[in-house]
Amino acid sequence: AAAPAAALAAGDRLGVCYTSPDIVIANGADNAYPHGLGARPRLVTIDLVCVTASHGFSAGDVINLTASGPPGRDWTVVADATDVRLIQSSDGDIVRIVAADASRQSIVKSSWRFVLRAWA
């Protein structure tokens, strides 16, 4: 069984969190975002945020790509002691999702944004 948060050693707890600005989804984009955490993040997540209703999702809906493992992705996240970097494929769909109706869909890039989160 998992230990309650109070019982976790300090080294097991996540500390300060950095959240990136909204990141435009675009073929060939390669952007680094200084996280200011002072060390390489112990955990980095990537969310897909709906900005215009699409595939049965409403503006403001968030798909956690880290947890859901999309059926198609063409991006890489790299982290070091100063930056988190998002590299997007120069061609192809970049992201395919399982839509609200359970079908596989290529997203309309202008209807979505990426957001990275990193914890020290």
PDB file of N, CA and C in Angstrom:
ATOM      1  N   ALA A   1       0.838  -1.185   0.000  1.00  0.00           N
ATOM      2  CA  ALA A   1       0.000   0.000   0.000  1.00  0.00           C
ATOM      3  C   ALA A   1       0.876   1.239   0.000  1.00  0.00           C
ATOM      4  N   ALA A   2       0.386   2.280  -0.597  1.00  0.00           N
ATOM      5  CA  ALA A   2       1.126   3.548  -0.666  1.00  0.00           C
ATOM      6  C   ALA A   2       1.137   4.213   0.699  1.00  0.00           C
ATOM      7  N   ALA A   3       2.259   4.820   1.020  1.00  0.00           N
ATOM      8  CA  ALA A   3       2.389   5.539   2.284  1.00  0.00           C
ATOM      9  C   ALA A   3       1.644   6.866   2.200  1.00  0.00           C
ATOM     10  N   PRO A   4       1.022   7.289   3.297  1.00  0.00           N
ATOM     11  CA  PRO A   4       0.383   8.604   3.288  1.00  0.00           C
ATOM     12  C   PRO A   4       1.437   9.687   3.071  1.00  0.00           C
ATOM     13  N   ALA A   5       1.018  10.828   2.529  1.00  0.00           N
ATOM     14  CA  ALA A   5       1.945  11.910   2.204  1.00  0.00           C
ATOM     15  C   ALA A   5       2.807  12.300   3.398  1.00  0.00           C
ATOM     16  N   ALA A   6       2.246  12.316   4.579  1.00  0.00           N
ATOM     17  CA  ALA A   6       3.001  12.719   5.764  1.00  0.00           C
ATOM     18  C   ALA A   6       4.145  11.753   6.064  1.00  0.00           C
ATOM     19  N   ALA A   7       4.011  10.496   5.629  1.00  0.00           N
ATOM     20  CA  ALA A   7       5.018   9.487   5.931  1.00  0.00           C
ATOM     21  C   ALA A   7       6.124   9.421   4.872  1.00  0.00           C
ATOM     22  N   LEU A   8       5.948  10.131   3.775  1.00  0.00           N
ATOM     23  CA  LEU A   8       6.954  10.088   2.725  1.00  0.00           C
ATOM     24  C   LEU A   8       8.202  10.846   3.146  1.00  0.00           C
ATOM     25  N   ALA A   9       9.339  10.319   2.794  1.00  0.00           N
ATOM     26  CA  ALA A   9      10.595  11.020   3.054  1.00  0.00           C
ATOM     27  C   ALA A   9      10.646  12.264   2.182  1.00  0.00           C
ATOM     28  N   ALA A  10      11.363  13.268   2.622  1.00  0.00           N
ATOM     29  CA  ALA A  10      11.447  14.522   1.886  1.00  0.00           C
ATOM     30  C   ALA A  10      11.879  14.287   0.436  1.00  0.00           C
ATOM     31  N   GLY A  11      12.766  13.335   0.193  1.00  0.00           N
ATOM     32  CA  GLY A  11      13.239  13.054  -1.155  1.00  0.00           C
ATOM     33  C   GLY A  11      12.191  12.440  -2.056  1.00  0.00           C
ATOM     34  N   ASP A  12      11.090  11.949  -1.469  1.00  0.00           N
ATOM     35  CA  ASP A  12      10.019  11.339  -2.244  1.00  0.00           C
ATOM     36  C   ASP A  12       8.928  12.333  -2.618  1.00  0.00           C
ATOM     37  N   ARG A  13       8.953  13.506  -2.031  1.00  0.00           N
ATOM     38  CA  ARG A  13       7.909  14.500  -2.270  1.00  0.00           C
ATOM     39  C   ARG A  13       8.305  15.406  -3.423  1.00  0.00           C
ATOM     40  N   LEU A  14       7.305  15.787  -4.188  1.00  0.00           N
ATOM     41  CA  LEU A  14       7.543  16.766  -5.244  1.00  0.00           C
ATOM     42  C   LEU A  14       7.458  18.154  -4.628  1.00  0.00           C
ATOM     43  N   GLY A  15       8.319  19.039  -5.066  1.00  0.00           N
ATOM     44  CA  GLY A  15       8.355  20.388  -4.505  1.00  0.00           C
ATOM     45  C   GLY A  15       7.707  21.395  -5.428  1.00  0.00           C
ATOM     46  N   VAL A  16       8.435  22.443  -5.698  1.00  0.00           N
ATOM     47  CA  VAL A  16       7.952  23.558  -6.500  1.00  0.00           C
ATOM     48  C   VAL A  16       7.599  23.087  -7.905  1.00  0.00           C
ATOM     49  N   CYS A  17       6.547  23.669  -8.463  1.00  0.00           N
ATOM     50  CA  CYS A  17       6.095  23.311  -9.809  1.00  0.00           C
ATOM     51  C   CYS A  17       6.247  24.496 -10.756  1.00  0.00           C
ATOM     52  N   TYR A  18       6.759  24.222 -11.942  1.00  0.00           N
ATOM     53  CA  TYR A  18       6.801  25.206 -13.026  1.00  0.00           C
ATOM     54  C   TYR A  18       5.717  24.836 -14.024  1.00  0.00           C
ATOM     55  N   THR A  19       4.959  25.831 -14.518  1.00  0.00           N
ATOM     56  CA  THR A  19       3.970  25.625 -15.569  1.00  0.00           C
ATOM     57  C   THR A  19       4.320  26.522 -16.745  1.00  0.00           C
ATOM     58  N   SER A  20       4.436  25.937 -17.922  1.00  0.00           N
ATOM     59  CA  SER A  20       4.780  26.707 -19.118  1.00  0.00           C
ATOM     60  C   SER A  20       3.604  27.573 -19.557  1.00  0.00           C
ATOM     61  N   PRO A  21       3.879  28.544 -20.410  1.00  0.00           N
ATOM     62  CA  PRO A  21       2.765  29.225 -21.075  1.00  0.00           C
ATOM     63  C   PRO A  21       2.119  28.245 -22.054  1.00  0.00           C
ATOM     64  N   ASP A  22       0.961  28.603 -22.604  1.00  0.00           N
ATOM     65  CA  ASP A  22       0.365  27.788 -23.665  1.00  0.00           C
ATOM     66  C   ASP A  22       1.341  27.706 -24.824  1.00  0.00           C
ATOM     67  N   ILE A  23       1.518  26.516 -25.367  1.00  0.00           N
ATOM     68  CA  ILE A  23       2.476  26.286 -26.450  1.00  0.00           C
ATOM     69  C   ILE A  23       1.699  25.945 -27.717  1.00  0.00           C
ATOM     70  N   VAL A  24       1.912  26.734 -28.756  1.00  0.00           N
ATOM     71  CA  VAL A  24       1.261  26.505 -30.040  1.00  0.00           C
ATOM     72  C   VAL A  24       1.754  25.179 -30.615  1.00  0.00           C
ATOM     73  N   ILE A  25       0.840  24.417 -31.171  1.00  0.00           N
ATOM     74  CA  ILE A  25       1.178  23.155 -31.804  1.00  0.00           C
ATOM     75  C   ILE A  25       1.491  23.443 -33.265  1.00  0.00           C
ATOM     76  N   ALA A  26       2.739  23.205 -33.648  1.00  0.00           N
ATOM     77  CA  ALA A  26       3.181  23.545 -35.000  1.00  0.00           C
ATOM     78  C   ALA A  26       4.296  22.603 -35.433  1.00  0.00           C
ATOM     79  N   ASN A  27       4.185  22.093 -36.628  1.00  0.00           N
ATOM     80  CA  ASN A  27       5.223  21.205 -37.161  1.00  0.00           C
ATOM     81  C   ASN A  27       6.574  21.902 -37.148  1.00  0.00           C
ATOM     82  N   GLY A  28       7.588  21.195 -36.631  1.00  0.00           N
ATOM     83  CA  GLY A  28       8.950  21.695 -36.613  1.00  0.00           C
ATOM     84  C   GLY A  28       9.269  22.642 -35.471  1.00  0.00           C
ATOM     85  N   ALA A  29       8.309  22.936 -34.608  1.00  0.00           N
ATOM     86  CA  ALA A  29       8.580  23.837 -33.482  1.00  0.00           C
ATOM     87  C   ALA A  29       9.538  23.164 -32.503  1.00  0.00           C
ATOM     88  N   ASP A  30      10.447  23.938 -31.961  1.00  0.00           N
ATOM     89  CA  ASP A  30      11.435  23.451 -30.997  1.00  0.00           C
ATOM     90  C   ASP A  30      11.673  24.594 -30.022  1.00  0.00           C
ATOM     91  N   ASN A  31      11.045  24.513 -28.852  1.00  0.00           N
ATOM     92  CA  ASN A  31      11.106  25.612 -27.894  1.00  0.00           C
ATOM     93  C   ASN A  31      11.577  25.131 -26.535  1.00  0.00           C
ATOM     94  N   ALA A  32      12.410  25.951 -25.897  1.00  0.00           N
ATOM     95  CA  ALA A  32      12.880  25.684 -24.539  1.00  0.00           C
ATOM     96  C   ALA A  32      12.264  26.729 -23.613  1.00  0.00           C
ATOM     97  N   TYR A  33      11.890  26.281 -22.428  1.00  0.00           N
ATOM     98  CA  TYR A  33      11.253  27.148 -21.432  1.00  0.00           C
ATOM     99  C   TYR A  33      12.047  27.054 -20.140  1.00  0.00           C
ATOM    100  N   PRO A  34      12.666  28.174 -19.688  1.00  0.00           N
ATOM    101  CA  PRO A  34      13.423  28.135 -18.440  1.00  0.00           C
ATOM    102  C   PRO A  34      12.485  27.893 -17.257  1.00  0.00           C
ATOM    103  N   HIS A  35      12.748  26.829 -16.491  1.00  0.00           N
ATOM    104  CA  HIS A  35      11.825  26.456 -15.413  1.00  0.00           C
ATOM    105  C   HIS A  35      12.172  27.076 -14.062  1.00  0.00           C
ATOM    106  N   GLY A  36      13.410  27.490 -13.855  1.00  0.00           N
ATOM    107  CA  GLY A  36      13.787  28.151 -12.606  1.00  0.00           C
ATOM    108  C   GLY A  36      13.759  27.259 -11.373  1.00  0.00           C
ATOM    109  N   LEU A  37      13.790  25.948 -11.547  1.00  0.00           N
ATOM    110  CA  LEU A  37      13.706  25.031 -10.410  1.00  0.00           C
ATOM    111  C   LEU A  37      15.053  24.797  -9.724  1.00  0.00           C
ATOM    112  N   GLY A  38      16.140  25.173 -10.381  1.00  0.00           N
ATOM    113  CA  GLY A  38      17.461  25.015  -9.780  1.00  0.00           C
ATOM    114  C   GLY A  38      18.056  23.625  -9.898  1.00  0.00           C
ATOM    115  N   ALA A  39      17.351  22.715 -10.516  1.00  0.00           N
ATOM    116  CA  ALA A  39      17.828  21.339 -10.710  1.00  0.00           C
ATOM    117  C   ALA A  39      16.991  20.717 -11.821  1.00  0.00           C
ATOM    118  N   ARG A  40      17.485  19.597 -12.354  1.00  0.00           N
ATOM    119  CA  ARG A  40      16.690  18.876 -13.353  1.00  0.00           C
ATOM    120  C   ARG A  40      15.392  18.414 -12.704  1.00  0.00           C
ATOM    121  N   PRO A  41      14.257  18.666 -13.341  1.00  0.00           N
ATOM    122  CA  PRO A  41      12.981  18.236 -12.762  1.00  0.00           C
ATOM    123  C   PRO A  41      12.932  16.734 -12.540  1.00  0.00           C
ATOM    124  N   ARG A  42      12.276  16.339 -11.462  1.00  0.00           N
ATOM    125  CA  ARG A  42      12.093  14.910 -11.161  1.00  0.00           C
ATOM    126  C   ARG A  42      10.894  14.344 -11.912  1.00  0.00           C
ATOM    127  N   LEU A  43       9.971  15.231 -12.297  1.00  0.00           N
ATOM    128  CA  LEU A  43       8.787  14.810 -13.031  1.00  0.00           C
ATOM    129  C   LEU A  43       8.411  15.924 -13.997  1.00  0.00           C
ATOM    130  N   VAL A  44       8.110  15.548 -15.244  1.00  0.00           N
ATOM    131  CA  VAL A  44       7.598  16.486 -16.237  1.00  0.00           C
ATOM    132  C   VAL A  44       6.343  15.869 -16.835  1.00  0.00           C
ATOM    133  N   THR A  45       5.283  16.660 -16.941  1.00  0.00           N
ATOM    134  CA  THR A  45       4.044  16.187 -17.570  1.00  0.00           C
ATOM    135  C   THR A  45       3.712  17.100 -18.739  1.00  0.00           C
ATOM    136  N   ILE A  46       2.884  16.581 -19.633  1.00  0.00           N
ATOM    137  CA  ILE A  46       2.430  17.375 -20.779  1.00  0.00           C
ATOM    138  C   ILE A  46       0.922  17.217 -20.904  1.00  0.00           C
ATOM    139  N   ASP A  47       0.250  18.368 -20.996  1.00  0.00           N
ATOM    140  CA  ASP A  47      -1.202  18.401 -21.155  1.00  0.00           C
ATOM    141  C   ASP A  47      -1.549  18.955 -22.524  1.00  0.00           C
ATOM    142  N   LEU A  48      -2.682  18.524 -23.044  1.00  0.00           N
ATOM    143  CA  LEU A  48      -3.255  19.048 -24.268  1.00  0.00           C
ATOM    144  C   LEU A  48      -4.504  19.816 -23.839  1.00  0.00           C
ATOM    145  N   VAL A  49      -4.513  21.116 -24.072  1.00  0.00           N
ATOM    146  CA  VAL A  49      -5.606  21.974 -23.614  1.00  0.00           C
ATOM    147  C   VAL A  49      -6.442  22.396 -24.813  1.00  0.00           C
ATOM    148  N   CYS A  50      -7.738  22.143 -24.734  1.00  0.00           N
ATOM    149  CA  CYS A  50      -8.658  22.522 -25.806  1.00  0.00           C
ATOM    150  C   CYS A  50      -8.930  24.027 -25.719  1.00  0.00           C
ATOM    151  N   VAL A  51      -8.721  24.749 -26.825  1.00  0.00           N
ATOM    152  CA  VAL A  51      -8.997  26.187 -26.840  1.00  0.00           C
ATOM    153  C   VAL A  51     -10.216  26.529 -27.696  1.00  0.00           C
ATOM    154  N   THR A  52     -10.595  25.625 -28.586  1.00  0.00           N
ATOM    155  CA  THR A  52     -11.802  25.763 -29.405  1.00  0.00           C
ATOM    156  C   THR A  52     -12.447  24.383 -29.463  1.00  0.00           C
ATOM    157  N   ALA A  53     -13.751  24.299 -29.216  1.00  0.00           N
ATOM    158  CA  ALA A  53     -14.445  23.004 -29.193  1.00  0.00           C
ATOM    159  C   ALA A  53     -14.000  22.130 -30.366  1.00  0.00           C
ATOM    160  N   SER A  54     -13.679  20.871 -30.051  1.00  0.00           N
ATOM    161  CA  SER A  54     -13.114  19.971 -31.051  1.00  0.00           C
ATOM    162  C   SER A  54     -13.292  18.523 -30.625  1.00  0.00           C
ATOM    163  N   HIS A  55     -13.740  17.667 -31.537  1.00  0.00           N
ATOM    164  CA  HIS A  55     -13.847  16.217 -31.310  1.00  0.00           C
ATOM    165  C   HIS A  55     -14.641  15.875 -30.044  1.00  0.00           C
ATOM    166  N   GLY A  56     -15.668  16.660 -29.754  1.00  0.00           N
ATOM    167  CA  GLY A  56     -16.506  16.394 -28.588  1.00  0.00           C
ATOM    168  C   GLY A  56     -15.979  16.980 -27.289  1.00  0.00           C
ATOM    169  N   PHE A  57     -14.867  17.691 -27.332  1.00  0.00           N
ATOM    170  CA  PHE A  57     -14.318  18.354 -26.148  1.00  0.00           C
ATOM    171  C   PHE A  57     -14.641  19.836 -26.222  1.00  0.00           C
ATOM    172  N   SER A  58     -14.758  20.468 -25.071  1.00  0.00           N
ATOM    173  CA  SER A  58     -15.076  21.890 -24.973  1.00  0.00           C
ATOM    174  C   SER A  58     -13.827  22.693 -24.653  1.00  0.00           C
ATOM    175  N   ALA A  59     -13.855  23.972 -25.011  1.00  0.00           N
ATOM    176  CA  ALA A  59     -12.758  24.865 -24.652  1.00  0.00           C
ATOM    177  C   ALA A  59     -12.534  24.783 -23.148  1.00  0.00           C
ATOM    178  N   GLY A  60     -11.286  24.638 -22.752  1.00  0.00           N
ATOM    179  CA  GLY A  60     -10.939  24.508 -21.343  1.00  0.00           C
ATOM    180  C   GLY A  60     -10.716  23.077 -20.892  1.00  0.00           C
ATOM    181  N   ASP A  61     -11.204  22.100 -21.665  1.00  0.00           N
ATOM    182  CA  ASP A  61     -10.954  20.701 -21.314  1.00  0.00           C
ATOM    183  C   ASP A  61      -9.463  20.402 -21.449  1.00  0.00           C
ATOM    184  N   VAL A  62      -8.959  19.537 -20.570  1.00  0.00           N
ATOM    185  CA  VAL A  62      -7.542  19.191 -20.551  1.00  0.00           C
ATOM    186  C   VAL A  62      -7.392  17.678 -20.667  1.00  0.00           C
ATOM    187  N   ILE A  63      -6.560  17.249 -21.602  1.00  0.00           N
ATOM    188  CA  ILE A  63      -6.202  15.839 -21.733  1.00  0.00           C
ATOM    189  C   ILE A  63      -4.773  15.707 -21.232  1.00  0.00           C
ATOM    190  N   ASN A  64      -4.578  14.929 -20.187  1.00  0.00           N
ATOM    191  CA  ASN A  64      -3.237  14.712 -19.662  1.00  0.00           C
ATOM    192  C   ASN A  64      -2.578  13.656 -20.529  1.00  0.00           C
ATOM    193  N   LEU A  65      -1.683  14.097 -21.399  1.00  0.00           N
ATOM    194  CA  LEU A  65      -1.036  13.169 -22.319  1.00  0.00           C
ATOM    195  C   LEU A  65      -0.059  12.249 -21.618  1.00  0.00           C
ATOM    196  N   THR A  66       0.490  12.682 -20.496  1.00  0.00           N
ATOM    197  CA  THR A  66       1.419  11.849 -19.737  1.00  0.00           C
ATOM    198  C   THR A  66       0.708  10.606 -19.229  1.00  0.00           C
ATOM    199  N   ALA A  67      -0.493  10.787 -18.715  1.00  0.00           N
ATOM    200  CA  ALA A  67      -1.243   9.674 -18.131  1.00  0.00           C
ATOM    201  C   ALA A  67      -1.991   8.863 -19.178  1.00  0.00           C
ATOM    202  N   SER A  68      -2.539   9.528 -20.190  1.00  0.00           N
ATOM    203  CA  SER A  68      -3.404   8.823 -21.125  1.00  0.00           C
ATOM    204  C   SER A  68      -2.660   8.136 -22.251  1.00  0.00           C
ATOM    205  N   GLY A  69      -1.418   8.512 -22.507  1.00  0.00           N
ATOM    206  CA  GLY A  69      -0.661   7.853 -23.571  1.00  0.00           C
ATOM    207  C   GLY A  69      -1.417   7.861 -24.875  1.00  0.00           C
ATOM    208  N   PRO A  70      -1.366   8.979 -25.620  1.00  0.00           N
ATOM    209  CA  PRO A  70      -2.172   9.086 -26.839  1.00  0.00           C
ATOM    210  C   PRO A  70      -1.827   8.002 -27.854  1.00  0.00           C
ATOM    211  N   PRO A  71      -2.788   7.641 -28.708  1.00  0.00           N
ATOM    212  CA  PRO A  71      -2.544   6.618 -29.710  1.00  0.00           C
ATOM    213  C   PRO A  71      -1.551   7.059 -30.778  1.00  0.00           C
ATOM    214  N   GLY A  72      -1.338   8.337 -30.925  1.00  0.00           N
ATOM    215  CA  GLY A  72      -0.363   8.824 -31.891  1.00  0.00           C
ATOM    216  C   GLY A  72       0.287  10.094 -31.376  1.00  0.00           C
ATOM    217  N   ARG A  73       1.594  10.146 -31.375  1.00  0.00           N
ATOM    218  CA  ARG A  73       2.263  11.364 -30.952  1.00  0.00           C
ATOM    219  C   ARG A  73       3.576  11.485 -31.698  1.00  0.00           C
ATOM    220  N   ASP A  74       3.920  12.706 -31.945  1.00  0.00           N
ATOM    221  CA  ASP A  74       5.130  13.000 -32.694  1.00  0.00           C
ATOM    222  C   ASP A  74       5.838  14.186 -32.055  1.00  0.00           C
ATOM    223  N   TRP A  75       6.143  14.064 -30.775  1.00  0.00           N
ATOM    224  CA  TRP A  75       6.817  15.112 -30.027  1.00  0.00           C
ATOM    225  C   TRP A  75       7.698  14.484 -28.966  1.00  0.00           C
ATOM    226  N   THR A  76       8.654  15.263 -28.490  1.00  0.00           N
ATOM    227  CA  THR A  76       9.573  14.812 -27.449  1.00  0.00           C
ATOM    228  C   THR A  76       9.743  15.929 -26.433  1.00  0.00           C
ATOM    229  N   VAL A  77       9.760  15.565 -25.163  1.00  0.00           N
ATOM    230  CA  VAL A  77      10.034  16.515 -24.083  1.00  0.00           C
ATOM    231  C   VAL A  77      11.399  16.161 -23.493  1.00  0.00           C
ATOM    232  N   VAL A  78      12.248  17.168 -23.349  1.00  0.00           N
ATOM    233  CA  VAL A  78      13.583  17.005 -22.785  1.00  0.00           C
ATOM    234  C   VAL A  78      13.710  17.982 -21.625  1.00  0.00           C
ATOM    235  N   ALA A  79      14.320  17.546 -20.518  1.00  0.00           N
ATOM    236  CA  ALA A  79      14.494  18.437 -19.361  1.00  0.00           C
ATOM    237  C   ALA A  79      15.936  18.389 -18.889  1.00  0.00           C
ATOM    238  N   ASP A  80      16.437  19.545 -18.491  1.00  0.00           N
ATOM    239  CA  ASP A  80      17.753  19.611 -17.855  1.00  0.00           C
ATOM    240  C   ASP A  80      17.658  20.563 -16.667  1.00  0.00           C
ATOM    241  N   ALA A  81      18.776  20.954 -16.106  1.00  0.00           N
ATOM    242  CA  ALA A  81      18.783  21.763 -14.885  1.00  0.00           C
ATOM    243  C   ALA A  81      18.235  23.173 -15.081  1.00  0.00           C
ATOM    244  N   THR A  82      18.116  23.623 -16.330  1.00  0.00           N
ATOM    245  CA  THR A  82      17.631  24.985 -16.551  1.00  0.00           C
ATOM    246  C   THR A  82      16.353  25.077 -17.367  1.00  0.00           C
ATOM    247  N   ASP A  83      16.116  24.142 -18.278  1.00  0.00           N
ATOM    248  CA  ASP A  83      14.988  24.260 -19.209  1.00  0.00           C
ATOM    249  C   ASP A  83      14.190  22.970 -19.333  1.00  0.00           C
ATOM    250  N   VAL A  84      12.926  23.122 -19.738  1.00  0.00           N
ATOM    251  CA  VAL A  84      12.161  22.017 -20.310  1.00  0.00           C
ATOM    252  C   VAL A  84      11.964  22.394 -21.771  1.00  0.00           C
ATOM    253  N   ARG A  85      12.139  21.416 -22.632  1.00  0.00           N
ATOM    254  CA  ARG A  85      12.128  21.670 -24.073  1.00  0.00           C
ATOM    255  C   ARG A  85      11.114  20.766 -24.726  1.00  0.00           C
ATOM    256  N   LEU A  86      10.347  21.333 -25.652  1.00  0.00           N
ATOM    257  CA  LEU A  86       9.367  20.572 -26.416  1.00  0.00           C
ATOM    258  C   LEU A  86       9.757  20.630 -27.882  1.00  0.00           C
ATOM    259  N   ILE A  87      10.018  19.446 -28.453  1.00  0.00           N
ATOM    260  CA  ILE A  87      10.378  19.333 -29.864  1.00  0.00           C
ATOM    261  C   ILE A  87       9.205  18.658 -30.572  1.00  0.00           C
ATOM    262  N   GLN A  88       8.671  19.321 -31.600  1.00  0.00           N
ATOM    263  CA  GLN A  88       7.538  18.789 -32.346  1.00  0.00           C
ATOM    264  C   GLN A  88       8.007  18.339 -33.728  1.00  0.00           C
ATOM    265  N   SER A  89       7.476  17.245 -34.194  1.00  0.00           N
ATOM    266  CA  SER A  89       7.862  16.672 -35.478  1.00  0.00           C
ATOM    267  C   SER A  89       7.721  17.689 -36.607  1.00  0.00           C
ATOM    268  N   SER A  90       8.614  17.578 -37.573  1.00  0.00           N
ATOM    269  CA  SER A  90       8.558  18.494 -38.710  1.00  0.00           C
ATOM    270  C   SER A  90       7.459  18.122 -39.709  1.00  0.00           C
ATOM    271  N   ASP A  91       6.894  16.940 -39.586  1.00  0.00           N
ATOM    272  CA  ASP A  91       5.798  16.565 -40.477  1.00  0.00           C
ATOM    273  C   ASP A  91       4.814  15.670 -39.734  1.00  0.00           C
ATOM    274  N   GLY A  92       3.663  15.467 -40.306  1.00  0.00           N
ATOM    275  CA  GLY A  92       2.669  14.582 -39.691  1.00  0.00           C
ATOM    276  C   GLY A  92       1.714  15.312 -38.769  1.00  0.00           C
ATOM    277  N   ASP A  93       0.958  14.527 -38.031  1.00  0.00           N
ATOM    278  CA  ASP A  93      -0.123  15.045 -37.192  1.00  0.00           C
ATOM    279  C   ASP A  93       0.331  15.612 -35.853  1.00  0.00           C
ATOM    280  N   ILE A  94       1.490  15.284 -35.368  1.00  0.00           N
ATOM    281  CA  ILE A  94       2.029  15.616 -34.050  1.00  0.00           C
ATOM    282  C   ILE A  94       1.248  14.898 -32.952  1.00  0.00           C
ATOM    283  N   VAL A  95      -0.098  15.065 -32.891  1.00  0.00           N
ATOM    284  CA  VAL A  95      -0.892  14.397 -31.860  1.00  0.00           C
ATOM    285  C   VAL A  95      -2.165  13.834 -32.469  1.00  0.00           C
ATOM    286  N   ARG A  96      -2.452  12.587 -32.121  1.00  0.00           N
ATOM    287  CA  ARG A  96      -3.767  11.992 -32.380  1.00  0.00           C
ATOM    288  C   ARG A  96      -4.335  11.621 -31.026  1.00  0.00           C
ATOM    289  N   ILE A  97      -5.636  11.779 -30.880  1.00  0.00           N
ATOM    290  CA  ILE A  97      -6.283  11.507 -29.596  1.00  0.00           C
ATOM    291  C   ILE A  97      -7.417  10.508 -29.771  1.00  0.00           C
ATOM    292  N   VAL A  98      -7.865   9.993 -28.661  1.00  0.00           N
ATOM    293  CA  VAL A  98      -9.127   9.269 -28.636  1.00  0.00           C
ATOM    294  C   VAL A  98     -10.170  10.325 -28.294  1.00  0.00           C
ATOM    295  N   ALA A  99     -11.042  10.600 -29.247  1.00  0.00           N
ATOM    296  CA  ALA A  99     -12.040  11.653 -29.103  1.00  0.00           C
ATOM    297  C   ALA A  99     -13.108  11.252 -28.083  1.00  0.00           C
ATOM    298  N   ALA A 100     -13.977  12.194 -27.761  1.00  0.00           N
ATOM    299  CA  ALA A 100     -15.038  11.948 -26.785  1.00  0.00           C
ATOM    300  C   ALA A 100     -15.958  10.807 -27.212  1.00  0.00           C
ATOM    301  N   ASP A 101     -16.055  10.543 -28.514  1.00  0.00           N
ATOM    302  CA  ASP A 101     -16.896   9.433 -28.986  1.00  0.00           C
ATOM    303  C   ASP A 101     -16.118   8.121 -29.111  1.00  0.00           C
ATOM    304  N   ALA A 102     -14.900   8.087 -28.579  1.00  0.00           N
ATOM    305  CA  ALA A 102     -14.021   6.913 -28.541  1.00  0.00           C
ATOM    306  C   ALA A 102     -13.361   6.601 -29.880  1.00  0.00           C
ATOM    307  N   SER A 103     -13.483   7.478 -30.867  1.00  0.00           N
ATOM    308  CA  SER A 103     -12.805   7.264 -32.150  1.00  0.00           C
ATOM    309  C   SER A 103     -11.412   7.903 -32.108  1.00  0.00           C
ATOM    310  N   ARG A 104     -10.513   7.366 -32.927  1.00  0.00           N
ATOM    311  CA  ARG A 104      -9.170   7.961 -33.034  1.00  0.00           C
ATOM    312  C   ARG A 104      -9.237   9.121 -34.010  1.00  0.00           C
ATOM    313  N   GLN A 105      -8.673  10.252 -33.604  1.00  0.00           N
ATOM    314  CA  GLN A 105      -8.740  11.448 -34.431  1.00  0.00           C
ATOM    315  C   GLN A 105      -7.414  12.192 -34.431  1.00  0.00           C
ATOM    316  N   SER A 106      -7.086  12.795 -35.557  1.00  0.00           N
ATOM    317  CA  SER A 106      -5.982  13.740 -35.615  1.00  0.00           C
ATOM    318  C   SER A 106      -6.542  15.081 -35.160  1.00  0.00           C
ATOM    319  N   ILE A 107      -5.814  15.764 -34.301  1.00  0.00           N
ATOM    320  CA  ILE A 107      -6.339  17.035 -33.809  1.00  0.00           C
ATOM    321  C   ILE A 107      -6.194  18.118 -34.873  1.00  0.00           C
ATOM    322  N   VAL A 108      -7.030  19.144 -34.751  1.00  0.00           N
ATOM    323  CA  VAL A 108      -6.861  20.378 -35.509  1.00  0.00           C
ATOM    324  C   VAL A 108      -5.930  21.223 -34.653  1.00  0.00           C
ATOM    325  N   LYS A 109      -4.715  21.446 -35.122  1.00  0.00           N
ATOM    326  CA  LYS A 109      -3.676  22.073 -34.297  1.00  0.00           C
ATOM    327  C   LYS A 109      -4.108  23.399 -33.703  1.00  0.00           C
ATOM    328  N   SER A 110      -4.844  24.206 -34.451  1.00  0.00           N
ATOM    329  CA  SER A 110      -5.240  25.523 -33.956  1.00  0.00           C
ATOM    330  C   SER A 110      -6.279  25.450 -32.834  1.00  0.00           C
ATOM    331  N   SER A 111      -6.889  24.296 -32.618  1.00  0.00           N
ATOM    332  CA  SER A 111      -7.906  24.132 -31.571  1.00  0.00           C
ATOM    333  C   SER A 111      -7.333  23.671 -30.243  1.00  0.00           C
ATOM    334  N   TRP A 112      -6.035  23.428 -30.197  1.00  0.00           N
ATOM    335  CA  TRP A 112      -5.404  22.869 -28.999  1.00  0.00           C
ATOM    336  C   TRP A 112      -4.083  23.568 -28.713  1.00  0.00           C
ATOM    337  N   ARG A 113      -3.623  23.482 -27.476  1.00  0.00           N
ATOM    338  CA  ARG A 113      -2.307  23.963 -27.063  1.00  0.00           C
ATOM    339  C   ARG A 113      -1.693  22.927 -26.125  1.00  0.00           C
ATOM    340  N   PHE A 114      -0.363  22.870 -26.103  1.00  0.00           N
ATOM    341  CA  PHE A 114       0.352  22.066 -25.127  1.00  0.00           C
ATOM    342  C   PHE A 114       0.641  22.928 -23.890  1.00  0.00           C
ATOM    343  N   VAL A 115       0.698  22.309 -22.735  1.00  0.00           N
ATOM    344  CA  VAL A 115       1.208  22.936 -21.502  1.00  0.00           C
ATOM    345  C   VAL A 115       2.097  21.913 -20.819  1.00  0.00           C
ATOM    346  N   LEU A 116       3.315  22.342 -20.480  1.00  0.00           N
ATOM    347  CA  LEU A 116       4.264  21.496 -19.750  1.00  0.00           C
ATOM    348  C   LEU A 116       4.249  21.875 -18.273  1.00  0.00           C
ATOM    349  N   ARG A 117       4.403  20.882 -17.406  1.00  0.00           N
ATOM    350  CA  ARG A 117       4.574  21.138 -15.980  1.00  0.00           C
ATOM    351  C   ARG A 117       5.795  20.341 -15.522  1.00  0.00           C
ATOM    352  N   ALA A 118       6.612  20.966 -14.672  1.00  0.00           N
ATOM    353  CA  ALA A 118       7.818  20.318 -14.183  1.00  0.00           C
ATOM    354  C   ALA A 118       7.923  20.530 -12.682  1.00  0.00           C
ATOM    355  N   TRP A 119       8.320  19.466 -11.959  1.00  0.00           N
ATOM    356  CA  TRP A 119       8.472  19.526 -10.515  1.00  0.00           C
ATOM    357  C   TRP A 119       9.899  19.186 -10.114  1.00  0.00           C
ATOM    358  N   ALA A 120      10.406  19.911  -9.134  1.00  0.00           N
ATOM    359  CA  ALA A 120      11.749  19.646  -8.602  1.00  0.00           C
ATOM    360  C   ALA A 120      11.648  18.566  -7.542  1.00  0.00           C
TER     361      ALA A 120
END
